[in-house]
Amino acid sequence: MIEQDLLAYEKELNMKGVELIAGVDEVGRGPLFGPVVTAAVILPKGYKLDGLTDSKKLTSRKRDSFYDIIMKDAVSVSIGIKGPEVIDEVNIYEATKLAMMEAIEGLDVRPEHVLIDAMKLEKLDIPSTSIIKGDAKSESIAAASVIAKVTRDRMMDEVALKYPEYGFDSHKGYPTKGHVEALYKYGLIDGYRKTFEPVKSIINGSVYYGKKEKKARKRKVERPKVDA
């Protein structure tokens, strides 16, 4: 199996005279709780960190290690955060875009080109390239992925210290079975996304049926009674 060159996109831009390249990624589109966090990272030209890839494929210890290295070696790093209020107001997709713009605008150095994981930023006035699964294809995006992931995870760890019964240190706000059970048992606290299920149903006092339950209910057909 041929190992993918995570600097391929960066090298192509370098050949065109572009040196200041920012990688941008997000973490936290799926959780029921907390903000969506984005990061923009400009690495030195030709910078290679062995083992760096999509943060989801790394262990927590490895992410923490890479986080410290990237923060030390990067030309510039910036974080963008949009909380539940913004997510509920404009939807998670648009909130993610706003957070990405915030991260890019917060860089100490203006990039000449931006590599973005999957999403397109129509309002960005800097040349950009959207790359599907970019965190596994670009060194710059992979670096941003690690910074965003560690930043958000640490935020959730802080919440866990205040509300240990919810288990935020393990599920990080994502809708795991244990998290949903804790949510029904202990109720809502500040930080939940009110437009996300089952939070929305809990607020409305209605019953929420998950995707699997809905499919099961749809398939279930009562058999007509037959007289003997």
C-alpha atoms as a PDB file:
ATOM      1  CA  MET A   1       0.000   0.000   0.000  1.00  0.00           C
ATOM      2  CA  ILE A   2       1.416   3.348  -1.081  1.00  0.00           C
ATOM      3  CA  GLU A   3       1.499   5.883   1.747  1.00  0.00           C
ATOM      4  CA  GLN A   4      -0.308   9.097   0.857  1.00  0.00           C
ATOM      5  CA  ASP A   5       1.774  12.251   0.688  1.00  0.00           C
ATOM      6  CA  LEU A   6       0.075  14.625   3.129  1.00  0.00           C
ATOM      7  CA  LEU A   7       2.074  17.484   1.658  1.00  0.00           C
ATOM      8  CA  ALA A   8       0.822  16.968  -1.907  1.00  0.00           C
ATOM      9  CA  TYR A   9      -1.622  19.887  -1.844  1.00  0.00           C
ATOM     10  CA  GLU A  10       0.891  22.120  -0.094  1.00  0.00           C
ATOM     11  CA  LYS A  11       3.669  21.222  -2.557  1.00  0.00           C
ATOM     12  CA  GLU A  12       1.424  21.985  -5.524  1.00  0.00           C
ATOM     13  CA  LEU A  13       0.705  25.424  -4.092  1.00  0.00           C
ATOM     14  CA  ASN A  14       4.387  25.950  -3.277  1.00  0.00           C
ATOM     15  CA  MET A  15       5.247  25.315  -6.942  1.00  0.00           C
ATOM     16  CA  LYS A  16       2.915  28.186  -7.812  1.00  0.00           C
ATOM     17  CA  GLY A  17       4.730  30.494  -5.431  1.00  0.00           C
ATOM     18  CA  VAL A  18       2.265  30.161  -2.552  1.00  0.00           C
ATOM     19  CA  GLU A  19       3.981  29.695   0.812  1.00  0.00           C
ATOM     20  CA  LEU A  20       1.594  30.820   3.555  1.00  0.00           C
ATOM     21  CA  ILE A  21      -1.010  28.054   3.560  1.00  0.00           C
ATOM     22  CA  ALA A  22      -3.629  27.691   6.281  1.00  0.00           C
ATOM     23  CA  GLY A  23      -5.317  24.402   7.034  1.00  0.00           C
ATOM     24  CA  VAL A  24      -8.809  24.624   8.524  1.00  0.00           C
ATOM     25  CA  ASP A  25     -10.927  21.950  10.203  1.00  0.00           C
ATOM     26  CA  GLU A  26     -13.805  21.609  12.664  1.00  0.00           C
ATOM     27  CA  VAL A  27     -14.793  19.391  15.551  1.00  0.00           C
ATOM     28  CA  GLY A  28     -18.180  19.085  17.195  1.00  0.00           C
ATOM     29  CA  ARG A  29     -20.888  19.178  14.545  1.00  0.00           C
ATOM     30  CA  GLY A  30     -22.616  16.081  15.916  1.00  0.00           C
ATOM     31  CA  PRO A  31     -22.764  16.539  19.712  1.00  0.00           C
ATOM     32  CA  LEU A  32     -25.888  17.410  21.681  1.00  0.00           C
ATOM     33  CA  PHE A  33     -23.875  19.634  23.978  1.00  0.00           C
ATOM     34  CA  GLY A  34     -21.300  22.375  23.700  1.00  0.00           C
ATOM     35  CA  PRO A  35     -19.825  24.444  20.890  1.00  0.00           C
ATOM     36  CA  VAL A  36     -18.519  23.640  17.470  1.00  0.00           C
ATOM     37  CA  VAL A  37     -14.781  24.366  17.503  1.00  0.00           C
ATOM     38  CA  THR A  38     -12.622  25.140  14.495  1.00  0.00           C
ATOM     39  CA  ALA A  39      -8.913  25.735  14.050  1.00  0.00           C
ATOM     40  CA  ALA A  40      -6.797  27.426  11.413  1.00  0.00           C
ATOM     41  CA  VAL A  41      -3.120  26.482  11.295  1.00  0.00           C
ATOM     42  CA  ILE A  42      -0.281  27.812   9.137  1.00  0.00           C
ATOM     43  CA  LEU A  43       2.685  25.436   9.161  1.00  0.00           C
ATOM     44  CA  PRO A  44       6.205  26.329   7.986  1.00  0.00           C
ATOM     45  CA  LYS A  45       6.870  25.575   4.312  1.00  0.00           C
ATOM     46  CA  GLY A  46       7.634  21.869   3.821  1.00  0.00           C
ATOM     47  CA  TYR A  47       6.865  21.066   7.460  1.00  0.00           C
ATOM     48  CA  LYS A  48       6.328  17.361   8.115  1.00  0.00           C
ATOM     49  CA  LEU A  49       5.272  15.817  11.429  1.00  0.00           C
ATOM     50  CA  ASP A  50       5.617  12.044  11.243  1.00  0.00           C
ATOM     51  CA  GLY A  51       2.441  10.216  12.232  1.00  0.00           C
ATOM     52  CA  LEU A  52       0.186  13.250  11.932  1.00  0.00           C
ATOM     53  CA  THR A  53      -3.203  12.451  10.387  1.00  0.00           C
ATOM     54  CA  ASP A  54      -6.915  12.864  11.001  1.00  0.00           C
ATOM     55  CA  SER A  55      -7.253  13.500  14.758  1.00  0.00           C
ATOM     56  CA  LYS A  56     -10.054  10.909  15.052  1.00  0.00           C
ATOM     57  CA  LYS A  57      -7.542   8.205  14.107  1.00  0.00           C
ATOM     58  CA  LEU A  58      -5.101   9.194  16.845  1.00  0.00           C
ATOM     59  CA  THR A  59      -5.099   8.234  20.508  1.00  0.00           C
ATOM     60  CA  SER A  60      -5.793  10.923  23.072  1.00  0.00           C
ATOM     61  CA  ARG A  61      -2.176  10.818  24.240  1.00  0.00           C
ATOM     62  CA  LYS A  62      -0.878  11.162  20.676  1.00  0.00           C
ATOM     63  CA  ARG A  63      -3.206  14.099  20.001  1.00  0.00           C
ATOM     64  CA  ASP A  64      -1.986  15.880  23.115  1.00  0.00           C
ATOM     65  CA  SER A  65       1.606  15.324  22.062  1.00  0.00           C
ATOM     66  CA  PHE A  66       1.002  16.609  18.535  1.00  0.00           C
ATOM     67  CA  TYR A  67      -0.959  19.552  19.943  1.00  0.00           C
ATOM     68  CA  ASP A  68       2.066  20.764  21.908  1.00  0.00           C
ATOM     69  CA  ILE A  69       4.396  20.293  18.936  1.00  0.00           C
ATOM     70  CA  ILE A  70       2.098  22.094  16.496  1.00  0.00           C
ATOM     71  CA  MET A  71       1.510  24.982  18.881  1.00  0.00           C
ATOM     72  CA  LYS A  72       5.286  25.381  19.201  1.00  0.00           C
ATOM     73  CA  ASP A  73       6.251  24.950  15.543  1.00  0.00           C
ATOM     74  CA  ALA A  74       3.372  26.575  13.652  1.00  0.00           C
ATOM     75  CA  VAL A  75       3.719  29.983  12.033  1.00  0.00           C
ATOM     76  CA  SER A  76       0.277  30.851  13.401  1.00  0.00           C
ATOM     77  CA  VAL A  77      -2.648  29.100  15.090  1.00  0.00           C
ATOM     78  CA  SER A  78      -6.150  30.435  15.677  1.00  0.00           C
ATOM     79  CA  ILE A  79      -9.340  29.009  17.165  1.00  0.00           C
ATOM     80  CA  GLY A  80     -12.955  29.738  16.203  1.00  0.00           C
ATOM     81  CA  ILE A  81     -15.818  28.830  18.537  1.00  0.00           C
ATOM     82  CA  LYS A  82     -19.592  29.074  18.124  1.00  0.00           C
ATOM     83  CA  GLY A  83     -21.768  28.009  21.027  1.00  0.00           C
ATOM     84  CA  PRO A  84     -25.189  26.361  21.274  1.00  0.00           C
ATOM     85  CA  GLU A  85     -27.037  29.684  21.017  1.00  0.00           C
ATOM     86  CA  VAL A  86     -25.558  30.408  17.590  1.00  0.00           C
ATOM     87  CA  ILE A  87     -25.972  26.788  16.486  1.00  0.00           C
ATOM     88  CA  ASP A  88     -29.664  26.849  17.415  1.00  0.00           C
ATOM     89  CA  GLU A  89     -30.161  30.195  15.684  1.00  0.00           C
ATOM     90  CA  VAL A  90     -28.493  29.582  12.329  1.00  0.00           C
ATOM     91  CA  ASN A  91     -28.101  25.732  12.273  1.00  0.00           C
ATOM     92  CA  ILE A  92     -24.926  23.722  12.792  1.00  0.00           C
ATOM     93  CA  TYR A  93     -23.725  23.969   9.186  1.00  0.00           C
ATOM     94  CA  GLU A  94     -23.817  27.756   9.115  1.00  0.00           C
ATOM     95  CA  ALA A  95     -22.411  27.988  12.643  1.00  0.00           C
ATOM     96  CA  THR A  96     -19.457  25.881  11.525  1.00  0.00           C
ATOM     97  CA  LYS A  97     -18.815  28.266   8.646  1.00  0.00           C
ATOM     98  CA  LEU A  98     -18.899  31.236  11.035  1.00  0.00           C
ATOM     99  CA  ALA A  99     -16.458  29.489  13.367  1.00  0.00           C
ATOM    100  CA  MET A 100     -14.115  28.710  10.462  1.00  0.00           C
ATOM    101  CA  MET A 101     -14.182  32.335   9.319  1.00  0.00           C
ATOM    102  CA  GLU A 102     -13.441  33.417  12.876  1.00  0.00           C
ATOM    103  CA  ALA A 103     -10.455  31.088  13.058  1.00  0.00           C
ATOM    104  CA  ILE A 104      -9.031  32.299   9.733  1.00  0.00           C
ATOM    105  CA  GLU A 105      -9.536  35.960  10.622  1.00  0.00           C
ATOM    106  CA  GLY A 106      -7.822  35.387  13.966  1.00  0.00           C
ATOM    107  CA  LEU A 107      -4.515  34.255  12.436  1.00  0.00           C
ATOM    108  CA  ASP A 108      -1.542  36.515  13.176  1.00  0.00           C
ATOM    109  CA  VAL A 109      -0.443  36.158   9.553  1.00  0.00           C
ATOM    110  CA  ARG A 110      -2.794  36.421   6.586  1.00  0.00           C
ATOM    111  CA  PRO A 111      -2.572  33.205   4.542  1.00  0.00           C
ATOM    112  CA  GLU A 112      -2.183  33.259   0.773  1.00  0.00           C
ATOM    113  CA  HIS A 113      -4.326  30.140   0.383  1.00  0.00           C
ATOM    114  CA  VAL A 114      -6.662  28.170   2.653  1.00  0.00           C
ATOM    115  CA  LEU A 115      -7.150  24.400   2.579  1.00  0.00           C
ATOM    116  CA  ILE A 116     -10.493  23.481   4.145  1.00  0.00           C
ATOM    117  CA  ASP A 117     -11.812  20.113   5.202  1.00  0.00           C
ATOM    118  CA  ALA A 118     -14.886  19.489   3.019  1.00  0.00           C
ATOM    119  CA  MET A 119     -16.712  22.776   3.532  1.00  0.00           C
ATOM    120  CA  LYS A 120     -16.799  25.803   1.249  1.00  0.00           C
ATOM    121  CA  LEU A 121     -16.603  29.328   2.626  1.00  0.00           C
ATOM    122  CA  GLU A 122     -18.334  31.538   0.083  1.00  0.00           C
ATOM    123  CA  LYS A 123     -17.544  34.762   1.964  1.00  0.00           C
ATOM    124  CA  LEU A 124     -13.824  34.081   2.283  1.00  0.00           C
ATOM    125  CA  ASP A 125     -11.777  36.640   0.326  1.00  0.00           C
ATOM    126  CA  ILE A 126      -8.701  34.392   0.187  1.00  0.00           C
ATOM    127  CA  PRO A 127      -8.172  31.692  -2.469  1.00  0.00           C
ATOM    128  CA  SER A 128      -9.199  28.329  -1.023  1.00  0.00           C
ATOM    129  CA  THR A 129      -9.556  24.644  -1.774  1.00  0.00           C
ATOM    130  CA  SER A 130     -12.161  22.373  -0.178  1.00  0.00           C
ATOM    131  CA  ILE A 131     -10.919  18.801   0.235  1.00  0.00           C
ATOM    132  CA  ILE A 132     -13.201  15.890   1.088  1.00  0.00           C
ATOM    133  CA  LYS A 133     -11.653  14.039   4.052  1.00  0.00           C
ATOM    134  CA  GLY A 134      -8.972  16.672   3.979  1.00  0.00           C
ATOM    135  CA  ASP A 135      -7.797  15.865   7.496  1.00  0.00           C
ATOM    136  CA  ALA A 136      -6.405  12.600   6.109  1.00  0.00           C
ATOM    137  CA  LYS A 137      -5.014  14.146   2.911  1.00  0.00           C
ATOM    138  CA  SER A 138      -3.375  17.422   3.946  1.00  0.00           C
ATOM    139  CA  GLU A 139      -0.734  18.056   6.625  1.00  0.00           C
ATOM    140  CA  SER A 140      -2.125  21.533   7.266  1.00  0.00           C
ATOM    141  CA  ILE A 141      -5.710  20.346   7.702  1.00  0.00           C
ATOM    142  CA  ALA A 142      -4.574  17.408   9.855  1.00  0.00           C
ATOM    143  CA  ALA A 143      -2.772  19.879  12.129  1.00  0.00           C
ATOM    144  CA  ALA A 144      -5.932  21.991  12.380  1.00  0.00           C
ATOM    145  CA  SER A 145      -7.916  18.842  13.134  1.00  0.00           C
ATOM    146  CA  VAL A 146      -5.680  18.045  16.108  1.00  0.00           C
ATOM    147  CA  ILE A 147      -5.802  21.589  17.493  1.00  0.00           C
ATOM    148  CA  ALA A 148      -9.600  21.767  17.214  1.00  0.00           C
ATOM    149  CA  LYS A 149     -10.123  18.288  18.681  1.00  0.00           C
ATOM    150  CA  VAL A 150      -7.856  18.774  21.685  1.00  0.00           C
ATOM    151  CA  THR A 151      -9.296  22.224  22.348  1.00  0.00           C
ATOM    152  CA  ARG A 152     -12.880  20.967  22.375  1.00  0.00           C
ATOM    153  CA  ASP A 153     -12.089  17.806  24.332  1.00  0.00           C
ATOM    154  CA  ARG A 154     -10.448  19.871  27.051  1.00  0.00           C
ATOM    155  CA  MET A 155     -13.537  22.083  27.205  1.00  0.00           C
ATOM    156  CA  MET A 156     -15.683  18.995  27.733  1.00  0.00           C
ATOM    157  CA  ASP A 157     -13.311  17.705  30.407  1.00  0.00           C
ATOM    158  CA  GLU A 158     -13.867  20.951  32.305  1.00  0.00           C
ATOM    159  CA  VAL A 159     -17.631  20.495  32.080  1.00  0.00           C
ATOM    160  CA  ALA A 160     -17.198  16.944  33.371  1.00  0.00           C
ATOM    161  CA  LEU A 161     -15.569  18.258  36.531  1.00  0.00           C
ATOM    162  CA  LYS A 162     -18.646  20.363  37.231  1.00  0.00           C
ATOM    163  CA  TYR A 163     -21.225  17.764  36.168  1.00  0.00           C
ATOM    164  CA  PRO A 164     -19.548  14.347  36.634  1.00  0.00           C
ATOM    165  CA  GLU A 165     -22.860  12.450  36.478  1.00  0.00           C
ATOM    166  CA  TYR A 166     -23.236  13.249  32.750  1.00  0.00           C
ATOM    167  CA  GLY A 167     -19.948  11.655  31.687  1.00  0.00           C
ATOM    168  CA  PHE A 168     -18.728  14.453  29.418  1.00  0.00           C
ATOM    169  CA  ASP A 169     -15.130  13.323  29.856  1.00  0.00           C
ATOM    170  CA  SER A 170     -15.953  10.115  27.979  1.00  0.00           C
ATOM    171  CA  HIS A 171     -18.562  11.017  25.349  1.00  0.00           C
ATOM    172  CA  LYS A 172     -17.531  14.674  24.853  1.00  0.00           C
ATOM    173  CA  GLY A 173     -21.155  15.675  24.318  1.00  0.00           C
ATOM    174  CA  TYR A 174     -21.910  13.205  21.533  1.00  0.00           C
ATOM    175  CA  PRO A 175     -25.243  11.296  21.686  1.00  0.00           C
ATOM    176  CA  THR A 176     -23.994   7.996  23.058  1.00  0.00           C
ATOM    177  CA  LYS A 177     -26.422   5.664  24.786  1.00  0.00           C
ATOM    178  CA  GLY A 178     -24.954   6.535  28.184  1.00  0.00           C
ATOM    179  CA  HIS A 179     -25.181  10.254  27.490  1.00  0.00           C
ATOM    180  CA  VAL A 180     -28.827  10.101  26.421  1.00  0.00           C
ATOM    181  CA  GLU A 181     -29.684   8.013  29.494  1.00  0.00           C
ATOM    182  CA  ALA A 182     -27.971  10.582  31.738  1.00  0.00           C
ATOM    183  CA  LEU A 183     -29.828  13.355  29.941  1.00  0.00           C
ATOM    184  CA  TYR A 184     -33.205  11.785  30.683  1.00  0.00           C
ATOM    185  CA  LYS A 185     -32.195  10.975  34.244  1.00  0.00           C
ATOM    186  CA  TYR A 186     -30.671  14.297  35.294  1.00  0.00           C
ATOM    187  CA  GLY A 187     -32.296  16.734  32.889  1.00  0.00           C
ATOM    188  CA  LEU A 188     -30.938  19.635  30.859  1.00  0.00           C
ATOM    189  CA  ILE A 189     -28.117  21.940  31.921  1.00  0.00           C
ATOM    190  CA  ASP A 190     -26.843  25.063  30.176  1.00  0.00           C
ATOM    191  CA  GLY A 191     -24.921  24.163  27.053  1.00  0.00           C
ATOM    192  CA  TYR A 192     -27.311  21.799  25.316  1.00  0.00           C
ATOM    193  CA  ARG A 193     -28.327  22.438  21.709  1.00  0.00           C
ATOM    194  CA  LYS A 194     -32.066  22.963  21.894  1.00  0.00           C
ATOM    195  CA  THR A 195     -32.700  22.178  18.218  1.00  0.00           C
ATOM    196  CA  PHE A 196     -31.013  18.769  18.438  1.00  0.00           C
ATOM    197  CA  GLU A 197     -32.880  15.576  19.297  1.00  0.00           C
ATOM    198  CA  PRO A 198     -33.646  14.269  21.863  1.00  0.00           C
ATOM    199  CA  VAL A 199     -33.059  17.641  23.575  1.00  0.00           C
ATOM    200  CA  LYS A 200     -35.798  19.260  21.505  1.00  0.00           C
ATOM    201  CA  SER A 201     -38.347  16.616  22.490  1.00  0.00           C
ATOM    202  CA  ILE A 202     -37.408  16.836  26.164  1.00  0.00           C
ATOM    203  CA  ILE A 203     -38.011  20.592  26.097  1.00  0.00           C
ATOM    204  CA  ASN A 204     -41.360  20.122  24.332  1.00  0.00           C
ATOM    205  CA  GLY A 205     -42.397  17.311  26.656  1.00  0.00           C
ATOM    206  CA  SER A 206     -42.887  14.911  23.760  1.00  0.00           C
ATOM    207  CA  VAL A 207     -41.541  11.429  23.090  1.00  0.00           C
ATOM    208  CA  TYR A 208     -38.555  11.155  20.785  1.00  0.00           C
ATOM    209  CA  TYR A 209     -38.163   8.114  18.587  1.00  0.00           C
ATOM    210  CA  GLY A 210     -34.665   7.566  17.235  1.00  0.00           C
ATOM    211  CA  LYS A 211     -33.980   6.571  13.633  1.00  0.00           C
ATOM    212  CA  LYS A 212     -33.882   2.867  14.454  1.00  0.00           C
ATOM    213  CA  GLU A 213     -37.106   3.087  16.461  1.00  0.00           C
ATOM    214  CA  LYS A 214     -38.845   5.000  13.682  1.00  0.00           C
ATOM    215  CA  LYS A 215     -37.845   2.372  11.134  1.00  0.00           C
ATOM    216  CA  ALA A 216     -39.004  -0.421  13.418  1.00  0.00           C
ATOM    217  CA  ARG A 217     -42.360   1.285  14.006  1.00  0.00           C
ATOM    218  CA  LYS A 218     -42.786   1.819  10.271  1.00  0.00           C
ATOM    219  CA  ARG A 219     -42.095  -1.831   9.495  1.00  0.00           C
ATOM    220  CA  LYS A 220     -44.436  -3.064  12.209  1.00  0.00           C
ATOM    221  CA  VAL A 221     -47.822  -3.884  10.720  1.00  0.00           C
ATOM    222  CA  GLU A 222     -50.660  -5.247  12.832  1.00  0.00           C
ATOM    223  CA  ARG A 223     -52.016  -8.507  11.569  1.00  0.00           C
ATOM    224  CA  PRO A 224     -55.785  -8.521  11.084  1.00  0.00           C
ATOM    225  CA  LYS A 225     -57.754 -10.749  13.398  1.00  0.00           C
ATOM    226  CA  VAL A 226     -59.083 -13.849  11.719  1.00  0.00           C
ATOM    227  CA  ASP A 227     -62.209 -15.506  13.013  1.00  0.00           C
ATOM    228  CA  ALA A 228     -61.781 -19.183  13.714  1.00  0.00           C
END
